[in-house]
C-alpha atoms as a PDB file:
ATOM      1  CA  MET A   1     -16.034  53.918 102.246  1.00  0.00           C
ATOM      2  CA  ARG A   2     -13.920  52.390 105.018  1.00  0.00           C
ATOM      3  CA  VAL A   3     -10.858  50.713 103.510  1.00  0.00           C
ATOM      4  CA  LEU A   4      -8.053  48.579 104.929  1.00  0.00           C
ATOM      5  CA  VAL A   5      -4.763  48.909 103.019  1.00  0.00           C
ATOM      6  CA  THR A   6      -2.293  46.157 103.866  1.00  0.00           C
ATOM      7  CA  GLY A   7       1.239  47.283 103.117  1.00  0.00           C
ATOM      8  CA  GLY A   8       0.023  50.882 103.198  1.00  0.00           C
ATOM      9  CA  ALA A   9       3.348  52.138 104.555  1.00  0.00           C
ATOM     10  CA  GLY A  10       5.135  50.927 101.434  1.00  0.00           C
ATOM     11  CA  TYR A  11       5.845  52.656  98.143  1.00  0.00           C
ATOM     12  CA  ILE A  12       2.651  51.905  96.202  1.00  0.00           C
ATOM     13  CA  GLY A  13       0.478  51.424  99.269  1.00  0.00           C
ATOM     14  CA  SER A  14       1.296  54.879 100.613  1.00  0.00           C
ATOM     15  CA  VAL A  15       0.303  56.521  97.319  1.00  0.00           C
ATOM     16  CA  ILE A  16      -2.952  54.558  97.261  1.00  0.00           C
ATOM     17  CA  THR A  17      -3.622  55.658 100.845  1.00  0.00           C
ATOM     18  CA  ASP A  18      -2.943  59.284  99.926  1.00  0.00           C
ATOM     19  CA  GLN A  19      -5.453  59.106  97.060  1.00  0.00           C
ATOM     20  CA  LEU A  20      -8.082  57.361  99.203  1.00  0.00           C
ATOM     21  CA  VAL A  21      -7.800  59.949 101.981  1.00  0.00           C
ATOM     22  CA  ALA A  22      -7.905  62.800  99.458  1.00  0.00           C
ATOM     23  CA  ALA A  23     -11.130  61.318  98.049  1.00  0.00           C
ATOM     24  CA  GLY A  24     -12.740  61.305 101.486  1.00  0.00           C
ATOM     25  CA  HIS A  25     -12.451  57.604 102.354  1.00  0.00           C
ATOM     26  CA  ARG A  26     -11.628  56.406 105.862  1.00  0.00           C
ATOM     27  CA  VAL A  27      -8.428  54.355 105.703  1.00  0.00           C
ATOM     28  CA  VAL A  28      -6.773  51.882 108.044  1.00  0.00           C
ATOM     29  CA  VAL A  29      -3.170  51.001 107.167  1.00  0.00           C
ATOM     30  CA  TYR A  30      -1.902  47.607 108.369  1.00  0.00           C
ATOM     31  CA  ASP A  31       1.845  47.159 107.888  1.00  0.00           C
ATOM     32  CA  ASN A  32       4.650  45.381 109.745  1.00  0.00           C
ATOM     33  CA  LEU A  33       7.213  47.991 108.558  1.00  0.00           C
ATOM     34  CA  SER A  34       9.589  45.295 107.318  1.00  0.00           C
ATOM     35  CA  LYS A  35       9.754  47.233 104.033  1.00  0.00           C
ATOM     36  CA  GLY A  36       7.507  50.221 104.670  1.00  0.00           C
ATOM     37  CA  HIS A  37       8.073  53.377 106.696  1.00  0.00           C
ATOM     38  CA  ALA A  38       5.903  54.782 109.474  1.00  0.00           C
ATOM     39  CA  ASP A  39       6.464  58.326 108.211  1.00  0.00           C
ATOM     40  CA  ALA A  40       4.989  57.310 104.827  1.00  0.00           C
ATOM     41  CA  VAL A  41       1.563  56.644 106.370  1.00  0.00           C
ATOM     42  CA  ASN A  42      -0.859  59.426 105.540  1.00  0.00           C
ATOM     43  CA  GLU A  43      -1.635  61.482 108.639  1.00  0.00           C
ATOM     44  CA  GLY A  44      -5.345  61.108 107.918  1.00  0.00           C
ATOM     45  CA  ALA A  45      -5.204  57.299 108.132  1.00  0.00           C
ATOM     46  CA  THR A  46      -5.340  55.031 111.166  1.00  0.00           C
ATOM     47  CA  PHE A  47      -2.124  53.017 111.454  1.00  0.00           C
ATOM     48  CA  VAL A  48      -1.866  49.517 112.899  1.00  0.00           C
ATOM     49  CA  GLN A  49       1.642  48.065 113.022  1.00  0.00           C
ATOM     50  CA  GLY A  50       1.307  44.336 112.619  1.00  0.00           C
ATOM     51  CA  ASP A  51       2.085  41.269 110.538  1.00  0.00           C
ATOM     52  CA  LEU A  52      -0.598  39.459 108.557  1.00  0.00           C
ATOM     53  CA  LEU A  53       0.718  36.218 110.034  1.00  0.00           C
ATOM     54  CA  ASP A  54      -0.347  37.503 113.455  1.00  0.00           C
ATOM     55  CA  THR A  55      -3.954  36.448 112.961  1.00  0.00           C
ATOM     56  CA  HIS A  56      -5.009  37.421 116.495  1.00  0.00           C
ATOM     57  CA  LEU A  57      -3.799  40.994 116.026  1.00  0.00           C
ATOM     58  CA  LEU A  58      -5.298  41.166 112.537  1.00  0.00           C
ATOM     59  CA  LYS A  59      -8.725  40.025 113.709  1.00  0.00           C
ATOM     60  CA  SER A  60      -8.552  42.406 116.687  1.00  0.00           C
ATOM     61  CA  ALA A  61      -7.660  45.271 114.345  1.00  0.00           C
ATOM     62  CA  LEU A  62     -10.688  44.504 112.161  1.00  0.00           C
ATOM     63  CA  ILE A  63     -12.951  44.520 115.218  1.00  0.00           C
ATOM     64  CA  ALA A  64     -11.496  47.821 116.483  1.00  0.00           C
ATOM     65  CA  ASN A  65     -11.475  49.385 113.010  1.00  0.00           C
ATOM     66  CA  PRO A  66     -14.413  48.023 110.970  1.00  0.00           C
ATOM     67  CA  VAL A  67     -13.917  48.335 107.202  1.00  0.00           C
ATOM     68  CA  ASP A  68     -15.958  47.672 104.086  1.00  0.00           C
ATOM     69  CA  ALA A  69     -13.172  46.546 101.762  1.00  0.00           C
ATOM     70  CA  VAL A  70      -9.471  45.743 101.514  1.00  0.00           C
ATOM     71  CA  ILE A  71      -6.685  46.700  99.152  1.00  0.00           C
ATOM     72  CA  HIS A  72      -4.053  44.025  99.688  1.00  0.00           C
ATOM     73  CA  MET A  73      -0.541  45.279  98.920  1.00  0.00           C
ATOM     74  CA  ALA A  74       1.548  43.493 101.558  1.00  0.00           C
ATOM     75  CA  ALA A  75       3.929  40.949 100.019  1.00  0.00           C
ATOM     76  CA  ALA A  76       7.531  39.972  99.442  1.00  0.00           C
ATOM     77  CA  SER A  77       8.345  40.977  95.878  1.00  0.00           C
ATOM     78  CA  LEU A  78      11.991  40.416  94.902  1.00  0.00           C
ATOM     79  CA  VAL A  79      12.327  37.993  92.004  1.00  0.00           C
ATOM     80  CA  GLY A  80      15.942  37.053  92.728  1.00  0.00           C
ATOM     81  CA  GLU A  81      15.312  36.493  96.423  1.00  0.00           C
ATOM     82  CA  SER A  82      12.276  34.373  95.642  1.00  0.00           C
ATOM     83  CA  MET A  83      14.472  31.967  93.680  1.00  0.00           C
ATOM     84  CA  VAL A  84      16.887  31.341  96.570  1.00  0.00           C
ATOM     85  CA  ASN A  85      14.376  31.580  99.425  1.00  0.00           C
ATOM     86  CA  PRO A  86      11.082  30.230  98.050  1.00  0.00           C
ATOM     87  CA  GLU A  87       9.786  29.249 101.487  1.00  0.00           C
ATOM     88  CA  ARG A  88       9.724  32.890 102.579  1.00  0.00           C
ATOM     89  CA  TYR A  89       7.610  33.778  99.557  1.00  0.00           C
ATOM     90  CA  TYR A  90       5.095  31.005 100.097  1.00  0.00           C
ATOM     91  CA  VAL A  91       4.690  32.036 103.736  1.00  0.00           C
ATOM     92  CA  ASN A  92       4.571  35.818 103.205  1.00  0.00           C
ATOM     93  CA  ASN A  93       2.582  35.860  99.999  1.00  0.00           C
ATOM     94  CA  LEU A  94       0.326  32.824 100.133  1.00  0.00           C
ATOM     95  CA  VAL A  95      -0.026  31.676 103.744  1.00  0.00           C
ATOM     96  CA  ALA A  96      -0.414  35.239 105.031  1.00  0.00           C
ATOM     97  CA  THR A  97      -3.014  36.029 102.365  1.00  0.00           C
ATOM     98  CA  ILE A  98      -5.072  32.941 103.223  1.00  0.00           C
ATOM     99  CA  GLY A  99      -5.002  34.128 106.837  1.00  0.00           C
ATOM    100  CA  LEU A 100      -6.174  37.549 105.703  1.00  0.00           C
ATOM    101  CA  LEU A 101      -9.030  36.075 103.666  1.00  0.00           C
ATOM    102  CA  ASP A 102     -10.112  33.968 106.626  1.00  0.00           C
ATOM    103  CA  ALA A 103     -10.106  37.064 108.859  1.00  0.00           C
ATOM    104  CA  LEU A 104     -12.126  38.989 106.279  1.00  0.00           C
ATOM    105  CA  LEU A 105     -14.750  36.268 106.107  1.00  0.00           C
ATOM    106  CA  GLY A 106     -14.981  36.277 109.884  1.00  0.00           C
ATOM    107  CA  ALA A 107     -15.580  40.034 109.799  1.00  0.00           C
ATOM    108  CA  ARG A 108     -18.059  39.670 106.898  1.00  0.00           C
ATOM    109  CA  ILE A 109     -15.867  41.718 104.555  1.00  0.00           C
ATOM    110  CA  LYS A 110     -16.220  40.481 100.990  1.00  0.00           C
ATOM    111  CA  MET A 111     -14.503  43.049  98.755  1.00  0.00           C
ATOM    112  CA  LEU A 112     -10.800  42.867  97.965  1.00  0.00           C
ATOM    113  CA  VAL A 113      -8.452  44.455  95.429  1.00  0.00           C
ATOM    114  CA  PHE A 114      -5.339  42.324  95.089  1.00  0.00           C
ATOM    115  CA  SER A 115      -1.918  43.551  94.003  1.00  0.00           C
ATOM    116  CA  SER A 116      -0.754  40.884  91.559  1.00  0.00           C
ATOM    117  CA  THR A 117       1.986  40.889  88.936  1.00  0.00           C
ATOM    118  CA  ALA A 118       2.734  40.280  85.286  1.00  0.00           C
ATOM    119  CA  ALA A 119       5.297  37.756  86.569  1.00  0.00           C
ATOM    120  CA  VAL A 120       2.441  35.212  86.616  1.00  0.00           C
ATOM    121  CA  TYR A 121       2.889  34.884  82.842  1.00  0.00           C
ATOM    122  CA  GLY A 122       6.554  33.850  82.843  1.00  0.00           C
ATOM    123  CA  GLU A 123       7.977  33.936  79.336  1.00  0.00           C
ATOM    124  CA  PRO A 124       4.978  35.299  77.445  1.00  0.00           C
ATOM    125  CA  SER A 125       3.625  33.535  74.386  1.00  0.00           C
ATOM    126  CA  LYS A 126       3.038  36.917  72.726  1.00  0.00           C
ATOM    127  CA  VAL A 127       3.501  40.624  73.370  1.00  0.00           C
ATOM    128  CA  PRO A 128       1.649  42.568  74.584  1.00  0.00           C
ATOM    129  CA  ILE A 129       0.260  40.081  77.081  1.00  0.00           C
ATOM    130  CA  SER A 130      -3.496  39.776  77.554  1.00  0.00           C
ATOM    131  CA  GLU A 131      -5.264  38.402  80.623  1.00  0.00           C
ATOM    132  CA  ASP A 132      -6.302  35.246  78.747  1.00  0.00           C
ATOM    133  CA  ASP A 133      -2.751  34.288  77.838  1.00  0.00           C
ATOM    134  CA  PRO A 134      -1.208  31.216  79.531  1.00  0.00           C
ATOM    135  CA  THR A 135       0.214  31.628  83.032  1.00  0.00           C
ATOM    136  CA  ALA A 136       3.517  29.831  83.575  1.00  0.00           C
ATOM    137  CA  PRO A 137       5.596  31.718  86.168  1.00  0.00           C
ATOM    138  CA  SER A 138       9.358  31.453  85.802  1.00  0.00           C
ATOM    139  CA  ASN A 139      10.051  32.502  89.407  1.00  0.00           C
ATOM    140  CA  THR A 140       8.672  31.778  92.860  1.00  0.00           C
ATOM    141  CA  TYR A 141       7.398  35.316  93.311  1.00  0.00           C
ATOM    142  CA  GLY A 142       5.100  34.997  90.294  1.00  0.00           C
ATOM    143  CA  GLU A 143       4.055  31.491  91.341  1.00  0.00           C
ATOM    144  CA  THR A 144       2.931  32.651  94.790  1.00  0.00           C
ATOM    145  CA  LYS A 145       0.936  35.538  93.329  1.00  0.00           C
ATOM    146  CA  LEU A 146      -0.753  33.162  90.899  1.00  0.00           C
ATOM    147  CA  ALA A 147      -1.556  30.825  93.784  1.00  0.00           C
ATOM    148  CA  VAL A 148      -3.332  33.690  95.552  1.00  0.00           C
ATOM    149  CA  GLU A 149      -5.329  34.441  92.398  1.00  0.00           C
ATOM    150  CA  ARG A 150      -6.421  30.805  92.255  1.00  0.00           C
ATOM    151  CA  ALA A 151      -7.424  30.958  95.921  1.00  0.00           C
ATOM    152  CA  LEU A 152      -9.471  34.092  95.269  1.00  0.00           C
ATOM    153  CA  HIS A 153     -11.347  32.264  92.515  1.00  0.00           C
ATOM    154  CA  TRP A 154     -12.429  29.566  94.957  1.00  0.00           C
ATOM    155  CA  PHE A 155     -13.180  32.025  97.783  1.00  0.00           C
ATOM    156  CA  HIS A 156     -15.470  33.801  95.347  1.00  0.00           C
ATOM    157  CA  ALA A 157     -17.165  30.549  94.355  1.00  0.00           C
ATOM    158  CA  ALA A 158     -17.597  29.314  97.926  1.00  0.00           C
ATOM    159  CA  HIS A 159     -18.140  32.514  99.898  1.00  0.00           C
ATOM    160  CA  GLY A 160     -19.092  35.228  97.405  1.00  0.00           C
ATOM    161  CA  MET A 161     -15.833  37.116  97.932  1.00  0.00           C
ATOM    162  CA  ARG A 162     -15.789  39.850  95.266  1.00  0.00           C
ATOM    163  CA  TYR A 163     -12.313  40.672  94.025  1.00  0.00           C
ATOM    164  CA  ALA A 164     -10.237  42.375  91.370  1.00  0.00           C
ATOM    165  CA  SER A 165      -6.703  41.142  90.790  1.00  0.00           C
ATOM    166  CA  LEU A 166      -4.423  43.722  89.158  1.00  0.00           C
ATOM    167  CA  ARG A 167      -1.417  42.351  87.301  1.00  0.00           C
ATOM    168  CA  TYR A 168       1.377  44.846  86.775  1.00  0.00           C
ATOM    169  CA  PHE A 169       5.111  44.686  86.702  1.00  0.00           C
ATOM    170  CA  ASN A 170       7.195  47.793  87.224  1.00  0.00           C
ATOM    171  CA  ALA A 171       5.779  50.530  89.398  1.00  0.00           C
ATOM    172  CA  ALA A 172       7.933  53.602  88.950  1.00  0.00           C
ATOM    173  CA  GLY A 173       8.067  57.350  89.402  1.00  0.00           C
ATOM    174  CA  ALA A 174       7.129  59.467  92.393  1.00  0.00           C
ATOM    175  CA  THR A 175       4.578  61.938  93.681  1.00  0.00           C
ATOM    176  CA  ASP A 176       5.386  65.147  95.513  1.00  0.00           C
ATOM    177  CA  ARG A 177       5.192  63.232  98.800  1.00  0.00           C
ATOM    178  CA  ARG A 178       6.149  59.636  98.040  1.00  0.00           C
ATOM    179  CA  GLY A 179       8.926  57.846  96.230  1.00  0.00           C
ATOM    180  CA  GLU A 180      10.837  54.574  96.314  1.00  0.00           C
ATOM    181  CA  ARG A 181      12.646  53.903  99.598  1.00  0.00           C
ATOM    182  CA  HIS A 182      13.564  50.241  99.459  1.00  0.00           C
ATOM    183  CA  ASP A 183      16.442  48.878 101.534  1.00  0.00           C
ATOM    184  CA  PRO A 184      18.159  47.349  99.736  1.00  0.00           C
ATOM    185  CA  GLU A 185      17.008  49.025  96.533  1.00  0.00           C
ATOM    186  CA  THR A 186      16.547  46.605  93.644  1.00  0.00           C
ATOM    187  CA  HIS A 187      14.360  48.543  91.196  1.00  0.00           C
ATOM    188  CA  LEU A 188      16.004  49.790  88.052  1.00  0.00           C
ATOM    189  CA  ILE A 189      14.958  53.439  87.879  1.00  0.00           C
ATOM    190  CA  PRO A 190      15.923  54.480  91.436  1.00  0.00           C
ATOM    191  CA  LEU A 191      19.206  52.594  91.059  1.00  0.00           C
ATOM    192  CA  VAL A 192      19.922  54.396  87.799  1.00  0.00           C
ATOM    193  CA  LEU A 193      19.134  57.753  89.386  1.00  0.00           C
ATOM    194  CA  ARG A 194      21.277  57.053  92.427  1.00  0.00           C
ATOM    195  CA  ALA A 195      24.119  56.284  90.040  1.00  0.00           C
ATOM    196  CA  ALA A 196      23.451  59.686  88.493  1.00  0.00           C
ATOM    197  CA  ARG A 197      23.679  61.263  91.954  1.00  0.00           C
ATOM    198  CA  ASP A 198      26.816  59.366  92.947  1.00  0.00           C
ATOM    199  CA  ALA A 199      29.156  57.865  90.343  1.00  0.00           C
ATOM    200  CA  ARG A 200      30.636  55.618  93.029  1.00  0.00           C
ATOM    201  CA  HIS A 201      27.520  53.446  92.700  1.00  0.00           C
ATOM    202  CA  PRO A 202      27.312  52.326  89.050  1.00  0.00           C
ATOM    203  CA  ILE A 203      24.239  50.566  87.713  1.00  0.00           C
ATOM    204  CA  THR A 204      24.596  46.893  86.798  1.00  0.00           C
ATOM    205  CA  VAL A 205      22.912  45.625  83.626  1.00  0.00           C
ATOM    206  CA  TYR A 206      22.029  41.963  84.111  1.00  0.00           C
ATOM    207  CA  GLY A 207      22.423  40.430  80.686  1.00  0.00           C
ATOM    208  CA  ARG A 208      22.955  41.932  77.230  1.00  0.00           C
ATOM    209  CA  ASP A 209      22.221  38.809  75.210  1.00  0.00           C
ATOM    210  CA  TYR A 210      18.410  38.703  75.304  1.00  0.00           C
ATOM    211  CA  ALA A 211      16.451  38.533  72.054  1.00  0.00           C
ATOM    212  CA  THR A 212      15.456  42.205  72.233  1.00  0.00           C
ATOM    213  CA  ARG A 213      16.301  45.291  70.173  1.00  0.00           C
ATOM    214  CA  ASP A 214      19.490  46.044  72.139  1.00  0.00           C
ATOM    215  CA  GLY A 215      20.010  42.779  74.043  1.00  0.00           C
ATOM    216  CA  THR A 216      18.705  44.038  77.411  1.00  0.00           C
ATOM    217  CA  CYS A 217      15.403  43.101  79.044  1.00  0.00           C
ATOM    218  CA  VAL A 218      12.205  44.948  78.087  1.00  0.00           C
ATOM    219  CA  ARG A 219       9.759  46.004  80.776  1.00  0.00           C
ATOM    220  CA  ASP A 220       6.510  47.958  81.003  1.00  0.00           C
ATOM    221  CA  TYR A 221       6.787  50.870  83.451  1.00  0.00           C
ATOM    222  CA  ILE A 222       3.683  52.385  85.079  1.00  0.00           C
ATOM    223  CA  HIS A 223       3.711  55.579  87.115  1.00  0.00           C
ATOM    224  CA  VAL A 224       2.780  54.886  90.723  1.00  0.00           C
ATOM    225  CA  SER A 225      -0.024  57.472  90.562  1.00  0.00           C
ATOM    226  CA  ASP A 226      -1.601  55.614  87.642  1.00  0.00           C
ATOM    227  CA  LEU A 227      -1.366  52.330  89.556  1.00  0.00           C
ATOM    228  CA  ALA A 228      -3.049  53.889  92.578  1.00  0.00           C
ATOM    229  CA  ASP A 229      -5.833  55.235  90.370  1.00  0.00           C
ATOM    230  CA  ALA A 230      -6.461  51.747  88.958  1.00  0.00           C
ATOM    231  CA  HIS A 231      -6.738  50.230  92.441  1.00  0.00           C
ATOM    232  CA  ILE A 232      -9.258  52.838  93.531  1.00  0.00           C
ATOM    233  CA  ARG A 233     -11.326  52.470  90.351  1.00  0.00           C
ATOM    234  CA  ALA A 234     -11.419  48.701  90.901  1.00  0.00           C
ATOM    235  CA  LEU A 235     -12.485  49.215  94.514  1.00  0.00           C
ATOM    236  CA  GLN A 236     -15.308  51.528  93.496  1.00  0.00           C
ATOM    237  CA  ALA A 237     -16.495  49.065  90.845  1.00  0.00           C
ATOM    238  CA  LEU A 238     -16.569  46.252  93.407  1.00  0.00           C
ATOM    239  CA  ALA A 239     -18.558  48.430  95.800  1.00  0.00           C
ATOM    240  CA  ALA A 240     -21.060  49.219  93.034  1.00  0.00           C
ATOM    241  CA  GLU A 241     -21.203  45.491  92.181  1.00  0.00           C
ATOM    242  CA  GLU A 242     -20.063  46.274  88.647  1.00  0.00           C
ATOM    243  CA  LEU A 243     -17.267  43.724  89.230  1.00  0.00           C
ATOM    244  CA  ARG A 244     -17.481  40.406  90.995  1.00  0.00           C
ATOM    245  CA  ALA A 245     -14.371  38.393  90.122  1.00  0.00           C
ATOM    246  CA  GLU A 246     -12.017  39.962  87.611  1.00  0.00           C
ATOM    247  CA  ILE A 247      -8.388  40.014  86.560  1.00  0.00           C
ATOM    248  CA  PHE A 248      -6.894  43.073  84.887  1.00  0.00           C
ATOM    249  CA  ASN A 249      -3.505  43.843  83.423  1.00  0.00           C
ATOM    250  CA  LEU A 250      -2.080  47.280  84.075  1.00  0.00           C
ATOM    251  CA  GLY A 251       0.308  48.305  81.339  1.00  0.00           C
ATOM    252  CA  CYS A 252       1.087  50.932  78.778  1.00  0.00           C
ATOM    253  CA  GLY A 253       1.277  48.518  75.874  1.00  0.00           C
ATOM    254  CA  ASP A 254       4.838  49.643  75.172  1.00  0.00           C
ATOM    255  CA  GLY A 255       8.040  48.547  76.829  1.00  0.00           C
ATOM    256  CA  TYR A 256      11.492  49.988  77.320  1.00  0.00           C
ATOM    257  CA  THR A 257      14.792  48.164  77.450  1.00  0.00           C
ATOM    258  CA  VAL A 258      17.141  48.560  80.381  1.00  0.00           C
ATOM    259  CA  GLN A 259      19.516  50.472  78.122  1.00  0.00           C
ATOM    260  CA  GLU A 260      16.730  52.813  76.993  1.00  0.00           C
ATOM    261  CA  VAL A 261      15.933  53.598  80.629  1.00  0.00           C
ATOM    262  CA  ILE A 262      19.584  54.447  81.254  1.00  0.00           C
ATOM    263  CA  ASN A 263      19.713  56.637  78.148  1.00  0.00           C
ATOM    264  CA  ALA A 264      16.520  58.471  79.155  1.00  0.00           C
ATOM    265  CA  ALA A 265      17.868  59.028  82.671  1.00  0.00           C
ATOM    266  CA  ARG A 266      21.048  60.545  81.243  1.00  0.00           C
ATOM    267  CA  LYS A 267      18.896  62.937  79.219  1.00  0.00           C
ATOM    268  CA  VAL A 268      16.613  63.928  82.125  1.00  0.00           C
ATOM    269  CA  THR A 269      19.381  64.372  84.687  1.00  0.00           C
ATOM    270  CA  GLY A 270      22.032  65.787  82.364  1.00  0.00           C
ATOM    271  CA  ARG A 271      24.558  63.523  84.061  1.00  0.00           C
ATOM    272  CA  ASP A 272      26.685  60.607  83.035  1.00  0.00           C
ATOM    273  CA  ILE A 273      25.609  57.289  84.536  1.00  0.00           C
ATOM    274  CA  PRO A 274      28.320  54.653  85.062  1.00  0.00           C
ATOM    275  CA  VAL A 275      27.337  51.122  84.016  1.00  0.00           C
ATOM    276  CA  ASN A 276      28.694  47.671  84.777  1.00  0.00           C
ATOM    277  CA  ASP A 277      27.661  44.540  82.876  1.00  0.00           C
ATOM    278  CA  GLY A 278      26.541  41.461  84.789  1.00  0.00           C
ATOM    279  CA  LEU A 279      25.170  37.994  84.080  1.00  0.00           C
ATOM    280  CA  ARG A 280      21.508  37.216  83.554  1.00  0.00           C
ATOM    281  CA  ARG A 281      19.481  36.731  86.728  1.00  0.00           C
ATOM    282  CA  PRO A 282      17.552  33.453  87.148  1.00  0.00           C
ATOM    283  CA  GLY A 283      13.846  33.847  86.451  1.00  0.00           C
ATOM    284  CA  ASP A 284      14.052  37.064  84.417  1.00  0.00           C
ATOM    285  CA  PRO A 285      11.909  36.865  81.238  1.00  0.00           C
ATOM    286  CA  ALA A 286      13.251  38.765  78.220  1.00  0.00           C
ATOM    287  CA  VAL A 287      10.100  40.814  77.602  1.00  0.00           C
ATOM    288  CA  LEU A 288       7.140  41.700  79.810  1.00  0.00           C
ATOM    289  CA  VAL A 289       4.704  44.174  78.301  1.00  0.00           C
ATOM    290  CA  ALA A 290       1.021  44.108  79.202  1.00  0.00           C
ATOM    291  CA  SER A 291      -2.095  45.093  77.308  1.00  0.00           C
ATOM    292  CA  SER A 292      -4.525  47.059  79.477  1.00  0.00           C
ATOM    293  CA  ALA A 293      -7.394  47.040  76.971  1.00  0.00           C
ATOM    294  CA  ARG A 294      -9.668  45.109  79.336  1.00  0.00           C
ATOM    295  CA  ILE A 295      -9.453  47.551  82.260  1.00  0.00           C
ATOM    296  CA  ALA A 296      -9.702  50.490  79.858  1.00  0.00           C
ATOM    297  CA  LYS A 297     -13.019  49.124  78.590  1.00  0.00           C
ATOM    298  CA  ALA A 298     -14.371  48.034  81.978  1.00  0.00           C
ATOM    299  CA  LEU A 299     -13.275  50.912  84.197  1.00  0.00           C
ATOM    300  CA  GLY A 300     -12.138  53.666  81.839  1.00  0.00           C
ATOM    301  CA  TRP A 301      -8.601  53.454  83.193  1.00  0.00           C
ATOM    302  CA  HIS A 302      -5.765  54.825  81.074  1.00  0.00           C
ATOM    303  CA  PRO A 303      -2.241  55.636  82.230  1.00  0.00           C
ATOM    304  CA  ARG A 304      -1.873  59.426  82.254  1.00  0.00           C
ATOM    305  CA  HIS A 305       1.599  59.889  83.761  1.00  0.00           C
ATOM    306  CA  SER A 306       3.481  56.877  82.424  1.00  0.00           C
ATOM    307  CA  SER A 307       5.674  58.153  79.603  1.00  0.00           C
ATOM    308  CA  LEU A 308       9.262  57.145  80.385  1.00  0.00           C
ATOM    309  CA  GLU A 309      10.445  60.751  80.555  1.00  0.00           C
ATOM    310  CA  THR A 310       7.621  61.738  82.941  1.00  0.00           C
ATOM    311  CA  ILE A 311       8.338  58.770  85.191  1.00  0.00           C
ATOM    312  CA  ILE A 312      12.058  59.460  85.350  1.00  0.00           C
ATOM    313  CA  ASP A 313      11.601  63.208  85.800  1.00  0.00           C
ATOM    314  CA  SER A 314       9.249  62.689  88.771  1.00  0.00           C
ATOM    315  CA  ALA A 315      11.587  60.124  90.317  1.00  0.00           C
ATOM    316  CA  TRP A 316      14.590  62.417  89.802  1.00  0.00           C
ATOM    317  CA  LYS A 317      12.814  65.268  91.579  1.00  0.00           C
ATOM    318  CA  TRP A 318      12.114  62.877  94.447  1.00  0.00           C
ATOM    319  CA  GLU A 319      15.721  61.671  94.533  1.00  0.00           C
ATOM    320  CA  THR A 320      17.140  65.186  94.619  1.00  0.00           C
ATOM    321  CA  THR A 321      14.663  66.710  97.097  1.00  0.00           C
ATOM    322  CA  SER A 322      12.586  64.472  99.352  1.00  0.00           C
ATOM    323  CA  ALA A 323      14.822  61.397  99.318  1.00  0.00           C
ATOM    324  CA  ALA A 324      17.916  63.478  99.990  1.00  0.00           C
ATOM    325  CA  LYS A 325      16.191  65.146 102.969  1.00  0.00           C
ATOM    326  CA  ILE A 326      15.107  61.787 104.375  1.00  0.00           C
ATOM    327  CA  GLU A 327      18.635  60.418 104.078  1.00  0.00           C
ATOM    328  CA  SER A 328      20.049  63.526 105.755  1.00  0.00           C
ATOM    329  CA  ASN A 329      17.582  63.318 108.646  1.00  0.00           C
ATOM    330  CA  ALA A 330      18.445  59.646 109.097  1.00  0.00           C
ATOM    331  CA  GLY A 331      22.148  60.414 109.182  1.00  0.00           C
ATOM    332  CA  VAL A 332      22.842  58.691 105.846  1.00  0.00           C
ATOM    333  CA  ARG A 333      25.778  60.107 103.911  1.00  0.00           C
END
């Protein structure tokens, strides 16, 4: 299959691209490198540097590199930033996606796997969350992802666009080749591990007064390899017309508190991790844990690498080998 991966130079997108290439698919990566890295693009993929808002370039890229389907990863994804700069999120996440869908229709491409988020649920009515539970985002990031899902529903109804929307929250862990390289870094596990590497950079815990077992937020962490596997399974099911318009949660069914992540990282690394306490962040729900029973039944997907210790161990190996080499080559001290 010929597949376009938007955001394929990013953390999750690069792992998806690696798995697609390894499986024999022809891949085109489209990324503006605002968050991604050119050296994270698989050498077997065709790379087009461009922004989805540049509709002329996007349409030209689709003509020059015909594809059968799209995995859409490109988006702005910081909850805190989305609350202070909502206009950026509506433009990058919604407007750019509508432009992409229009370009796909023009190229007669009608299969799309969409990277969504459990943030569409807001404060959940129950845990674990199922796909039929109410959606009431508590931040702009989740609202823009939900708006795209609603658009996909109508594109399917009007144009026959087949899609699978995958709702997940915390991608984590690393492969031998890829890990988290955000600048600035905002994700908990790499921040915790960098604090383990350098005590001058303590981790901040945002709120210890949530209604959880230790007062810190609970999140569902999925290994990036498991997320990539789910995207590829969804793509294959769309190609086989086993799926037409579907929404799936991707979760382990269990969650870990921020404090439990810190404790596990101390165990894996054998190092002390300095911690500072901060105030709650606007838009942060207390608990987000997803049920993945629907995708398990439909596609046979089960997380295989997503125990907390496995996730942290893989990320720690990345932090102490590959990430350190990248920083050294870039002159970062």
